[in-house]
Every structure is written in C-alpha cells, then in structure tokens.
Amino acid sequence: MPEPDRARLISVVGGESTGKSTLATALGDRLPATVVPEFLRRWVDRHGRVPLAAEQVAVMSEHRESEVSALLRASRTPPSWVVSDSGPLMTAVYSIQYYGDTSLLPTALEWTAQSARVVWCQDDFPWQPEPQRDGSHARSRSQKILATIFAENPGLPVLAVRGSLEDRVETVLDHVGTATGRDGGAFEHG
C-alpha cells in the first residue's frame, strides 16, 4: 500500500486588514487546501472581548491543535495542503503588541518554522474598518513587530505578498512548488 501524501502547511500572517483571511480562502480554493480559520476571531466572537494576557497561550495552543489536526487529516486524504489563517505567530505578535509579553514567541517560532511557507501579507491597500479591528496604527505596529521577528529569524521561509488578491495568490502558487511536488515543510504522521 502506498504511503499517504505528506501534508504541507502555509501560514498566512500580517497585521489586521492586510487580507489574510481572504487570501487563505482563495488559496484553499486554488491549491486546493484545507483552511484553518483564525481561532482568535472565533474566540472573540464567542466571548465578546479580546483575550486577556493570561488567555493568549490557550488561544495560540488551540489554533495550533487545529493546524495539527488538519495536517493529520491531509496526510491521509487529499488535499495535502493546509492553509492557516493568522496562526500561532500572530497570537505571539498580538501578545507582544498589546501586553508586552514575548513569552509565546519561542514556541510560535518553533511551530511556524515547520511551515512550507510563511506568507506575509503586506499593508499596501487602505485599512478597512471592522468591529474587531483597532485601526491602521495597530496594523502598522503588527507589521513592524513581524518585520523585526523575520529579520531576527532569517531561516523562516517567509514570502511577502503584495498587490491584488490574484497577484498574491499567483505569487504564493509560484513559490510553494505545487508543480514540482516540493517536500519542504512536510508534516509526516509518525
């Protein structure tokens, strides 16, 4: 019996209103891939508030558990791609930004390093208001924190994307190696 395909993870990150969720959904359609939705958004909807500093680790862990579960399923049954919308790294970024807490960053980096690509959505279009968003200043702060993290961790497979949704999708597809069957960032269930 042939071995199941190894699943590959694409982590989509960026400040608020940078198109992460829209891009994750589009990649899910185009690859195709299983999309892991942003757990933080669901958490805020459920609780009616943002997580407190002490709750951030649970938010990050829950998102990671969703990623691992999707990767396990994808390693057994196509599609073998998983796209994570605003995963553990973004929870760590928000902990730094809002609470001055860097304690989640080492674990988030360890998990994020397992991605085939870390797709960093740039803020090259106007900020769009939404009830859960803080403003363009918050987006800029998140982007600066990400820039620092990526500069200090050059081994991460970061791909910055800009432009229209279609431009972003094409950039990702050009870099994930779908046509060549690239093995980078594969998740194997052992």
N, C-alpha and C. Protein backbone atom coordinates (compact mmCIF):
# COMPACT_ATOMS: atom_id res chain seq x y z
N MET A 1 0.84 -1.17 0.00
CA MET A 1 0.00 0.00 0.00
C MET A 1 0.89 1.24 0.00
N PRO A 2 0.63 2.23 -0.88
CA PRO A 2 1.48 3.41 -0.94
C PRO A 2 1.32 4.27 0.31
N GLU A 3 2.40 4.98 0.64
CA GLU A 3 2.37 5.90 1.77
C GLU A 3 1.46 7.08 1.44
N PRO A 4 0.74 7.60 2.43
CA PRO A 4 -0.09 8.77 2.16
C PRO A 4 0.80 9.97 1.85
N ASP A 5 0.23 10.92 1.12
CA ASP A 5 0.96 12.16 0.84
C ASP A 5 1.32 12.84 2.15
N ARG A 6 2.45 13.53 2.12
CA ARG A 6 2.83 14.33 3.28
C ARG A 6 2.16 15.69 3.15
N ALA A 7 1.53 16.10 4.20
CA ALA A 7 0.82 17.37 4.19
C ALA A 7 1.80 18.52 4.36
N ARG A 8 1.48 19.65 3.76
CA ARG A 8 2.32 20.84 3.84
C ARG A 8 1.47 22.01 4.34
N LEU A 9 2.10 22.83 5.17
CA LEU A 9 1.42 23.95 5.82
C LEU A 9 1.89 25.27 5.23
N ILE A 10 0.93 26.12 4.93
CA ILE A 10 1.19 27.51 4.56
C ILE A 10 0.58 28.37 5.66
N SER A 11 1.41 29.15 6.33
CA SER A 11 0.94 30.04 7.39
C SER A 11 0.79 31.44 6.82
N VAL A 12 -0.41 32.00 6.91
CA VAL A 12 -0.68 33.34 6.39
C VAL A 12 -0.70 34.31 7.57
N VAL A 13 0.19 35.29 7.53
CA VAL A 13 0.33 36.24 8.64
C VAL A 13 0.30 37.67 8.11
N GLY A 14 0.14 38.62 9.03
CA GLY A 14 0.13 40.04 8.69
C GLY A 14 -0.72 40.78 9.70
N GLY A 15 -0.58 42.08 9.73
CA GLY A 15 -1.39 42.90 10.62
C GLY A 15 -2.85 42.85 10.21
N GLU A 16 -3.69 43.46 11.04
CA GLU A 16 -5.12 43.47 10.72
C GLU A 16 -5.37 44.20 9.41
N SER A 17 -6.38 43.76 8.68
CA SER A 17 -6.77 44.36 7.41
C SER A 17 -5.65 44.33 6.37
N THR A 18 -4.94 43.20 6.32
CA THR A 18 -3.94 43.01 5.27
C THR A 18 -4.37 41.93 4.29
N GLY A 19 -5.58 41.41 4.45
CA GLY A 19 -6.11 40.43 3.51
C GLY A 19 -5.80 38.99 3.83
N LYS A 20 -5.45 38.68 5.07
CA LYS A 20 -5.07 37.31 5.44
C LYS A 20 -6.19 36.32 5.19
N SER A 21 -7.37 36.60 5.73
CA SER A 21 -8.48 35.64 5.62
C SER A 21 -8.92 35.47 4.17
N THR A 22 -8.97 36.56 3.44
CA THR A 22 -9.35 36.49 2.02
C THR A 22 -8.34 35.67 1.24
N LEU A 23 -7.06 35.88 1.50
CA LEU A 23 -6.01 35.12 0.81
C LEU A 23 -6.06 33.66 1.21
N ALA A 24 -6.23 33.37 2.49
CA ALA A 24 -6.29 31.97 2.94
C ALA A 24 -7.42 31.23 2.24
N THR A 25 -8.58 31.86 2.15
CA THR A 25 -9.73 31.24 1.47
C THR A 25 -9.43 31.01 -0.01
N ALA A 26 -8.85 32.01 -0.66
CA ALA A 26 -8.52 31.87 -2.09
C ALA A 26 -7.49 30.77 -2.32
N LEU A 27 -6.50 30.68 -1.45
CA LEU A 27 -5.51 29.61 -1.58
C LEU A 27 -6.15 28.24 -1.36
N GLY A 28 -7.08 28.19 -0.42
CA GLY A 28 -7.80 26.94 -0.19
C GLY A 28 -8.50 26.46 -1.44
N ASP A 29 -9.07 27.39 -2.18
CA ASP A 29 -9.75 27.04 -3.43
C ASP A 29 -8.77 26.67 -4.54
N ARG A 30 -7.69 27.40 -4.65
CA ARG A 30 -6.78 27.24 -5.79
C ARG A 30 -5.81 26.08 -5.66
N LEU A 31 -5.36 25.74 -4.46
CA LEU A 31 -4.34 24.70 -4.34
C LEU A 31 -4.84 23.30 -4.72
N PRO A 32 -5.86 22.74 -4.30
CA PRO A 32 -6.74 23.07 -3.19
C PRO A 32 -6.09 22.74 -1.84
N ALA A 33 -6.71 23.26 -0.78
CA ALA A 33 -6.16 23.07 0.56
C ALA A 33 -7.28 23.11 1.59
N THR A 34 -7.01 22.53 2.73
CA THR A 34 -7.86 22.69 3.90
C THR A 34 -7.46 24.01 4.55
N VAL A 35 -8.43 24.84 4.88
CA VAL A 35 -8.14 26.13 5.51
C VAL A 35 -8.48 26.04 6.99
N VAL A 36 -7.50 26.41 7.82
CA VAL A 36 -7.71 26.51 9.27
C VAL A 36 -8.04 27.97 9.54
N PRO A 37 -9.30 28.26 9.93
CA PRO A 37 -9.68 29.66 10.15
C PRO A 37 -9.00 30.24 11.40
N GLU A 38 -8.97 31.55 11.45
CA GLU A 38 -8.35 32.25 12.57
C GLU A 38 -9.11 31.95 13.87
N PHE A 39 -8.44 31.27 14.78
CA PHE A 39 -9.09 30.92 16.05
C PHE A 39 -9.38 32.15 16.89
N LEU A 40 -8.50 33.14 16.87
CA LEU A 40 -8.70 34.34 17.68
C LEU A 40 -10.03 35.01 17.34
N ARG A 41 -10.36 35.09 16.07
CA ARG A 41 -11.63 35.72 15.65
C ARG A 41 -12.82 34.96 16.26
N ARG A 42 -12.77 33.64 16.20
CA ARG A 42 -13.86 32.83 16.78
C ARG A 42 -13.92 33.03 18.29
N TRP A 43 -12.74 33.10 18.93
CA TRP A 43 -12.67 33.30 20.37
C TRP A 43 -13.34 34.61 20.76
N VAL A 44 -13.01 35.68 20.06
CA VAL A 44 -13.58 37.00 20.35
C VAL A 44 -15.09 36.98 20.11
N ASP A 45 -15.53 36.35 19.02
CA ASP A 45 -16.97 36.25 18.77
C ASP A 45 -17.68 35.52 19.91
N ARG A 46 -17.08 34.45 20.39
CA ARG A 46 -17.68 33.63 21.45
C ARG A 46 -17.72 34.37 22.79
N HIS A 47 -16.64 35.08 23.14
CA HIS A 47 -16.53 35.70 24.46
C HIS A 47 -16.92 37.18 24.48
N GLY A 48 -17.03 37.80 23.30
CA GLY A 48 -17.42 39.20 23.24
C GLY A 48 -16.33 40.16 23.69
N ARG A 49 -15.09 39.70 23.69
CA ARG A 49 -13.96 40.54 24.10
C ARG A 49 -12.68 39.90 23.59
N VAL A 50 -11.59 40.66 23.65
CA VAL A 50 -10.29 40.10 23.29
C VAL A 50 -9.76 39.29 24.46
N PRO A 51 -8.90 38.31 24.20
CA PRO A 51 -8.34 37.53 25.30
C PRO A 51 -7.45 38.38 26.20
N LEU A 52 -7.48 38.08 27.47
CA LEU A 52 -6.56 38.69 28.42
C LEU A 52 -5.17 38.11 28.18
N ALA A 53 -4.16 38.74 28.74
CA ALA A 53 -2.78 38.27 28.55
C ALA A 53 -2.64 36.80 28.93
N ALA A 54 -3.23 36.40 30.04
CA ALA A 54 -3.11 35.02 30.51
C ALA A 54 -3.86 34.03 29.63
N GLU A 55 -4.78 34.51 28.79
CA GLU A 55 -5.56 33.63 27.91
C GLU A 55 -4.91 33.43 26.54
N GLN A 56 -3.88 34.21 26.25
CA GLN A 56 -3.25 34.16 24.93
C GLN A 56 -2.64 32.79 24.63
N VAL A 57 -2.03 32.16 25.62
CA VAL A 57 -1.40 30.86 25.39
C VAL A 57 -2.45 29.82 24.98
N ALA A 58 -3.63 29.88 25.58
CA ALA A 58 -4.70 28.94 25.21
C ALA A 58 -5.18 29.20 23.79
N VAL A 59 -5.29 30.47 23.41
CA VAL A 59 -5.69 30.81 22.04
C VAL A 59 -4.66 30.27 21.05
N MET A 60 -3.39 30.50 21.34
CA MET A 60 -2.33 30.02 20.45
C MET A 60 -2.33 28.50 20.36
N SER A 61 -2.45 27.84 21.49
CA SER A 61 -2.43 26.37 21.52
C SER A 61 -3.62 25.78 20.77
N GLU A 62 -4.78 26.38 20.94
CA GLU A 62 -5.99 25.89 20.25
C GLU A 62 -5.82 26.01 18.73
N HIS A 63 -5.26 27.13 18.29
CA HIS A 63 -5.04 27.28 16.84
C HIS A 63 -4.05 26.22 16.35
N ARG A 64 -2.99 26.01 17.10
CA ARG A 64 -2.01 25.00 16.69
C ARG A 64 -2.64 23.61 16.67
N GLU A 65 -3.47 23.29 17.64
CA GLU A 65 -4.15 21.99 17.64
C GLU A 65 -5.00 21.83 16.39
N SER A 66 -5.66 22.91 15.96
CA SER A 66 -6.46 22.86 14.73
C SER A 66 -5.56 22.63 13.52
N GLU A 67 -4.39 23.26 13.49
CA GLU A 67 -3.44 23.04 12.40
C GLU A 67 -2.99 21.58 12.35
N VAL A 68 -2.58 21.06 13.50
CA VAL A 68 -2.08 19.68 13.56
C VAL A 68 -3.17 18.70 13.14
N SER A 69 -4.38 18.92 13.60
CA SER A 69 -5.50 18.05 13.22
C SER A 69 -5.72 18.08 11.71
N ALA A 70 -5.70 19.28 11.13
CA ALA A 70 -5.87 19.41 9.67
C ALA A 70 -4.72 18.75 8.93
N LEU A 71 -3.50 18.89 9.44
CA LEU A 71 -2.34 18.27 8.80
C LEU A 71 -2.43 16.75 8.86
N LEU A 72 -2.87 16.22 9.97
CA LEU A 72 -3.03 14.76 10.09
C LEU A 72 -4.06 14.25 9.09
N ARG A 73 -5.19 14.94 8.99
CA ARG A 73 -6.21 14.55 8.00
C ARG A 73 -5.66 14.65 6.59
N ALA A 74 -4.96 15.74 6.32
CA ALA A 74 -4.43 15.97 4.97
C ALA A 74 -3.33 14.98 4.61
N SER A 75 -2.64 14.43 5.61
CA SER A 75 -1.60 13.45 5.31
C SER A 75 -2.20 12.11 4.91
N ARG A 76 -3.48 11.91 5.22
CA ARG A 76 -4.17 10.67 4.87
C ARG A 76 -5.02 10.79 3.61
N THR A 77 -5.57 11.98 3.39
CA THR A 77 -6.52 12.18 2.30
C THR A 77 -6.28 13.54 1.66
N PRO A 78 -6.22 13.60 0.33
CA PRO A 78 -6.05 14.91 -0.32
C PRO A 78 -7.20 15.84 0.06
N PRO A 79 -7.01 17.15 0.01
CA PRO A 79 -5.79 17.81 -0.44
C PRO A 79 -4.69 17.75 0.62
N SER A 80 -3.46 17.73 0.16
CA SER A 80 -2.33 17.59 1.09
C SER A 80 -1.77 18.93 1.54
N TRP A 81 -2.44 20.01 1.19
CA TRP A 81 -2.05 21.34 1.66
C TRP A 81 -2.99 21.79 2.76
N VAL A 82 -2.44 22.50 3.74
CA VAL A 82 -3.22 23.14 4.80
C VAL A 82 -2.79 24.61 4.83
N VAL A 83 -3.77 25.51 4.80
CA VAL A 83 -3.50 26.94 4.89
C VAL A 83 -4.04 27.43 6.22
N SER A 84 -3.15 28.02 7.02
CA SER A 84 -3.52 28.52 8.34
C SER A 84 -3.65 30.03 8.31
N ASP A 85 -4.84 30.51 8.64
CA ASP A 85 -5.13 31.94 8.68
C ASP A 85 -4.78 32.49 10.06
N SER A 86 -3.77 33.33 10.11
CA SER A 86 -3.41 34.04 11.35
C SER A 86 -3.12 33.10 12.50
N GLY A 87 -2.19 32.21 12.31
CA GLY A 87 -1.88 31.16 13.27
C GLY A 87 -1.13 31.59 14.51
N PRO A 88 -0.42 30.65 15.12
CA PRO A 88 0.27 30.89 16.39
C PRO A 88 1.22 32.10 16.37
N LEU A 89 1.87 32.36 15.26
CA LEU A 89 2.79 33.50 15.23
C LEU A 89 2.03 34.81 15.44
N MET A 90 0.84 34.93 14.86
CA MET A 90 0.08 36.17 15.05
C MET A 90 -0.39 36.32 16.49
N THR A 91 -0.71 35.22 17.16
CA THR A 91 -1.07 35.32 18.58
C THR A 91 0.12 35.84 19.38
N ALA A 92 1.31 35.35 19.07
CA ALA A 92 2.52 35.83 19.74
C ALA A 92 2.76 37.31 19.44
N VAL A 93 2.53 37.71 18.19
CA VAL A 93 2.69 39.13 17.82
C VAL A 93 1.71 39.99 18.61
N TYR A 94 0.45 39.56 18.69
CA TYR A 94 -0.53 40.33 19.45
C TYR A 94 -0.18 40.38 20.93
N SER A 95 0.39 39.32 21.48
CA SER A 95 0.82 39.33 22.88
C SER A 95 1.92 40.36 23.11
N ILE A 96 2.83 40.45 22.15
CA ILE A 96 3.89 41.47 22.23
C ILE A 96 3.27 42.86 22.11
N GLN A 97 2.41 43.03 21.12
CA GLN A 97 1.85 44.34 20.81
C GLN A 97 0.96 44.89 21.93
N TYR A 98 0.09 44.07 22.46
CA TYR A 98 -0.90 44.56 23.42
C TYR A 98 -0.52 44.36 24.89
N TYR A 99 0.36 43.39 25.16
CA TYR A 99 0.68 43.08 26.55
C TYR A 99 2.17 43.17 26.87
N GLY A 100 3.01 43.44 25.86
CA GLY A 100 4.44 43.49 26.09
C GLY A 100 5.01 42.14 26.49
N ASP A 101 4.32 41.06 26.12
CA ASP A 101 4.67 39.71 26.53
C ASP A 101 5.32 38.95 25.37
N THR A 102 6.58 38.62 25.51
CA THR A 102 7.30 37.87 24.47
C THR A 102 7.36 36.37 24.76
N SER A 103 6.73 35.91 25.83
CA SER A 103 6.87 34.52 26.25
C SER A 103 6.32 33.50 25.25
N LEU A 104 5.37 33.88 24.42
CA LEU A 104 4.80 32.95 23.44
C LEU A 104 5.66 32.82 22.18
N LEU A 105 6.55 33.78 21.97
CA LEU A 105 7.29 33.83 20.71
C LEU A 105 8.15 32.60 20.44
N PRO A 106 8.94 32.08 21.38
CA PRO A 106 9.76 30.91 21.05
C PRO A 106 8.95 29.71 20.55
N THR A 107 7.85 29.41 21.21
CA THR A 107 7.01 28.29 20.78
C THR A 107 6.37 28.59 19.43
N ALA A 108 5.87 29.81 19.26
CA ALA A 108 5.26 30.18 17.98
C ALA A 108 6.27 30.07 16.84
N LEU A 109 7.50 30.48 17.09
CA LEU A 109 8.54 30.38 16.05
C LEU A 109 8.87 28.92 15.74
N GLU A 110 8.92 28.09 16.77
CA GLU A 110 9.19 26.67 16.55
C GLU A 110 8.11 26.06 15.66
N TRP A 111 6.86 26.36 15.96
CA TRP A 111 5.76 25.82 15.16
C TRP A 111 5.75 26.42 13.76
N THR A 112 5.98 27.72 13.66
CA THR A 112 5.94 28.40 12.36
C THR A 112 7.06 27.92 11.45
N ALA A 113 8.19 27.56 12.02
CA ALA A 113 9.32 27.07 11.21
C ALA A 113 9.00 25.77 10.49
N GLN A 114 7.95 25.09 10.89
CA GLN A 114 7.55 23.85 10.23
C GLN A 114 6.71 24.09 8.98
N SER A 115 6.42 25.34 8.68
CA SER A 115 5.62 25.69 7.50
C SER A 115 6.44 25.57 6.23
N ALA A 116 5.79 25.18 5.15
CA ALA A 116 6.43 25.21 3.83
C ALA A 116 6.69 26.66 3.44
N ARG A 117 5.74 27.53 3.76
CA ARG A 117 5.87 28.97 3.54
C ARG A 117 5.14 29.72 4.63
N VAL A 118 5.72 30.85 5.00
CA VAL A 118 5.06 31.82 5.87
C VAL A 118 4.74 32.99 4.96
N VAL A 119 3.49 33.13 4.60
CA VAL A 119 3.06 34.15 3.65
C VAL A 119 2.71 35.41 4.45
N TRP A 120 3.51 36.45 4.23
CA TRP A 120 3.36 37.70 4.97
C TRP A 120 2.61 38.70 4.10
N CYS A 121 1.36 38.96 4.45
CA CYS A 121 0.53 39.92 3.71
C CYS A 121 0.97 41.34 4.04
N GLN A 122 1.29 42.09 2.99
CA GLN A 122 1.72 43.48 3.17
C GLN A 122 0.50 44.39 3.28
N ASP A 123 0.72 45.58 3.80
CA ASP A 123 -0.37 46.53 4.01
C ASP A 123 -0.39 47.59 2.91
N ASP A 124 -0.45 47.11 1.66
CA ASP A 124 -0.36 48.02 0.52
C ASP A 124 -1.73 48.43 -0.02
N PHE A 125 -2.75 48.37 0.80
CA PHE A 125 -4.06 48.90 0.42
C PHE A 125 -4.71 49.49 1.66
N PRO A 126 -5.73 50.34 1.49
CA PRO A 126 -6.30 51.05 2.64
C PRO A 126 -6.85 50.11 3.72
N TRP A 127 -6.67 50.52 4.96
CA TRP A 127 -7.22 49.78 6.09
C TRP A 127 -8.74 49.82 5.99
N GLN A 128 -9.39 48.69 6.30
CA GLN A 128 -10.85 48.59 6.25
C GLN A 128 -11.39 48.38 7.67
N PRO A 129 -12.33 49.22 8.09
CA PRO A 129 -12.87 49.07 9.44
C PRO A 129 -13.69 47.79 9.59
N GLU A 130 -13.66 47.25 10.79
CA GLU A 130 -14.44 46.07 11.16
C GLU A 130 -14.52 46.09 12.68
N PRO A 131 -15.60 45.58 13.28
CA PRO A 131 -15.75 45.69 14.73
C PRO A 131 -14.57 45.15 15.55
N GLN A 132 -13.89 44.11 15.09
CA GLN A 132 -12.79 43.53 15.86
C GLN A 132 -11.45 44.22 15.60
N ARG A 133 -11.41 45.22 14.76
CA ARG A 133 -10.14 45.86 14.41
C ARG A 133 -9.93 47.14 15.20
N ASP A 134 -8.65 47.44 15.46
CA ASP A 134 -8.29 48.60 16.27
C ASP A 134 -7.94 49.84 15.45
N GLY A 135 -7.51 49.69 14.22
CA GLY A 135 -7.17 50.84 13.40
C GLY A 135 -5.87 50.64 12.64
N SER A 136 -5.61 51.54 11.71
CA SER A 136 -4.42 51.40 10.87
C SER A 136 -3.14 51.49 11.70
N HIS A 137 -3.17 52.21 12.82
CA HIS A 137 -1.99 52.28 13.70
C HIS A 137 -1.66 50.90 14.26
N ALA A 138 -2.68 50.11 14.59
CA ALA A 138 -2.46 48.75 15.10
C ALA A 138 -1.89 47.86 14.01
N ARG A 139 -2.39 48.04 12.79
CA ARG A 139 -1.87 47.26 11.66
C ARG A 139 -0.38 47.57 11.47
N SER A 140 -0.03 48.84 11.49
CA SER A 140 1.38 49.24 11.32
C SER A 140 2.26 48.65 12.41
N ARG A 141 1.78 48.68 13.63
CA ARG A 141 2.56 48.13 14.76
C ARG A 141 2.78 46.63 14.58
N SER A 142 1.74 45.90 14.19
CA SER A 142 1.88 44.45 13.95
C SER A 142 2.90 44.18 12.85
N GLN A 143 2.83 44.96 11.78
CA GLN A 143 3.75 44.77 10.66
C GLN A 143 5.19 45.04 11.09
N LYS A 144 5.40 46.03 11.94
CA LYS A 144 6.76 46.32 12.43
C LYS A 144 7.27 45.18 13.31
N ILE A 145 6.41 44.64 14.15
CA ILE A 145 6.82 43.51 15.00
C ILE A 145 7.18 42.32 14.13
N LEU A 146 6.35 42.03 13.12
CA LEU A 146 6.66 40.93 12.20
C LEU A 146 7.99 41.17 11.48
N ALA A 147 8.22 42.40 11.02
CA ALA A 147 9.47 42.71 10.32
C ALA A 147 10.67 42.42 11.22
N THR A 148 10.58 42.79 12.48
CA THR A 148 11.66 42.53 13.43
C THR A 148 11.85 41.03 13.64
N ILE A 149 10.76 40.32 13.83
CA ILE A 149 10.83 38.86 14.03
C ILE A 149 11.48 38.20 12.82
N PHE A 150 11.07 38.57 11.63
CA PHE A 150 11.62 37.94 10.42
C PHE A 150 13.09 38.31 10.22
N ALA A 151 13.46 39.54 10.56
CA ALA A 151 14.87 39.94 10.44
C ALA A 151 15.74 39.16 11.42
N GLU A 152 15.20 38.87 12.60
CA GLU A 152 15.96 38.14 13.62
C GLU A 152 15.91 36.62 13.44
N ASN A 153 15.09 36.15 12.52
CA ASN A 153 14.93 34.71 12.27
C ASN A 153 14.97 34.45 10.77
N PRO A 154 16.14 34.67 10.14
CA PRO A 154 16.23 34.60 8.68
C PRO A 154 15.99 33.20 8.10
N GLY A 155 15.96 32.17 8.92
CA GLY A 155 15.72 30.82 8.42
C GLY A 155 14.26 30.52 8.14
N LEU A 156 13.36 31.38 8.59
CA LEU A 156 11.94 31.14 8.32
C LEU A 156 11.66 31.30 6.83
N PRO A 157 10.81 30.44 6.27
CA PRO A 157 10.52 30.50 4.83
C PRO A 157 9.48 31.57 4.50
N VAL A 158 9.84 32.83 4.71
CA VAL A 158 8.90 33.95 4.56
C VAL A 158 8.79 34.37 3.10
N LEU A 159 7.56 34.62 2.70
CA LEU A 159 7.25 35.14 1.37
C LEU A 159 6.32 36.33 1.55
N ALA A 160 6.81 37.53 1.26
CA ALA A 160 5.97 38.73 1.34
C ALA A 160 5.12 38.82 0.08
N VAL A 161 3.82 39.09 0.25
CA VAL A 161 2.92 39.22 -0.89
C VAL A 161 2.29 40.60 -0.89
N ARG A 162 2.11 41.13 -2.10
CA ARG A 162 1.55 42.47 -2.31
C ARG A 162 0.56 42.43 -3.47
N GLY A 163 -0.14 43.53 -3.61
CA GLY A 163 -0.99 43.70 -4.78
C GLY A 163 -2.38 43.13 -4.58
N SER A 164 -3.03 42.90 -5.72
CA SER A 164 -4.40 42.39 -5.71
C SER A 164 -4.43 40.97 -5.15
N LEU A 165 -5.63 40.51 -4.87
CA LEU A 165 -5.79 39.13 -4.39
C LEU A 165 -5.20 38.16 -5.41
N GLU A 166 -5.50 38.36 -6.67
CA GLU A 166 -4.98 37.45 -7.70
C GLU A 166 -3.46 37.50 -7.76
N ASP A 167 -2.87 38.70 -7.64
CA ASP A 167 -1.41 38.81 -7.61
C ASP A 167 -0.83 38.02 -6.44
N ARG A 168 -1.46 38.13 -5.30
CA ARG A 168 -0.98 37.44 -4.11
C ARG A 168 -1.09 35.93 -4.27
N VAL A 169 -2.23 35.47 -4.77
CA VAL A 169 -2.42 34.03 -4.98
C VAL A 169 -1.36 33.50 -5.94
N GLU A 170 -1.16 34.19 -7.06
CA GLU A 170 -0.18 33.74 -8.05
C GLU A 170 1.23 33.72 -7.47
N THR A 171 1.57 34.73 -6.66
CA THR A 171 2.89 34.76 -6.02
C THR A 171 3.08 33.53 -5.14
N VAL A 172 2.07 33.22 -4.34
CA VAL A 172 2.18 32.04 -3.46
C VAL A 172 2.29 30.77 -4.29
N LEU A 173 1.43 30.61 -5.28
CA LEU A 173 1.46 29.40 -6.10
C LEU A 173 2.81 29.23 -6.79
N ASP A 174 3.40 30.33 -7.23
CA ASP A 174 4.72 30.28 -7.87
C ASP A 174 5.81 29.81 -6.91
N HIS A 175 5.60 30.04 -5.61
CA HIS A 175 6.64 29.74 -4.63
C HIS A 175 6.44 28.49 -3.79
N VAL A 176 5.28 27.89 -3.82
CA VAL A 176 5.08 26.70 -2.98
C VAL A 176 5.47 25.42 -3.68
N GLY A 177 5.77 25.49 -4.97
CA GLY A 177 6.26 24.31 -5.66
C GLY A 177 5.23 23.24 -5.90
N THR A 178 3.98 23.63 -6.11
CA THR A 178 2.93 22.63 -6.32
C THR A 178 3.19 21.78 -7.54
N ALA A 179 3.76 22.35 -8.56
CA ALA A 179 4.00 21.58 -9.78
C ALA A 179 5.16 20.60 -9.62
N THR A 180 6.11 20.92 -8.74
CA THR A 180 7.29 20.08 -8.59
C THR A 180 7.17 19.08 -7.45
N GLY A 181 6.09 19.18 -6.69
CA GLY A 181 5.94 18.26 -5.56
C GLY A 181 6.95 18.51 -4.46
N ARG A 182 7.35 19.75 -4.28
CA ARG A 182 8.34 20.14 -3.27
C ARG A 182 7.99 19.55 -1.92
N ASP A 183 8.97 19.01 -1.25
CA ASP A 183 8.75 18.37 0.04
C ASP A 183 8.96 19.30 1.23
N GLY A 184 9.41 20.53 1.00
CA GLY A 184 9.69 21.42 2.11
C GLY A 184 8.48 21.64 2.98
N GLY A 185 8.70 21.63 4.27
CA GLY A 185 7.64 21.90 5.22
C GLY A 185 6.62 20.79 5.33
N ALA A 186 6.99 19.59 4.95
CA ALA A 186 6.03 18.48 5.00
C ALA A 186 5.81 18.04 6.44
N PHE A 187 4.59 17.67 6.71
CA PHE A 187 4.19 17.16 8.02
C PHE A 187 3.95 15.68 7.86
N GLU A 188 4.70 14.89 8.59
CA GLU A 188 4.53 13.44 8.50
C GLU A 188 3.99 12.92 9.81
N HIS A 189 2.95 12.13 9.70
CA HIS A 189 2.39 11.49 10.89
C HIS A 189 3.19 10.23 11.14
N GLY A 190 3.80 10.14 12.32
CA GLY A 190 4.69 9.03 12.57
C GLY A 190 4.22 8.03 13.50
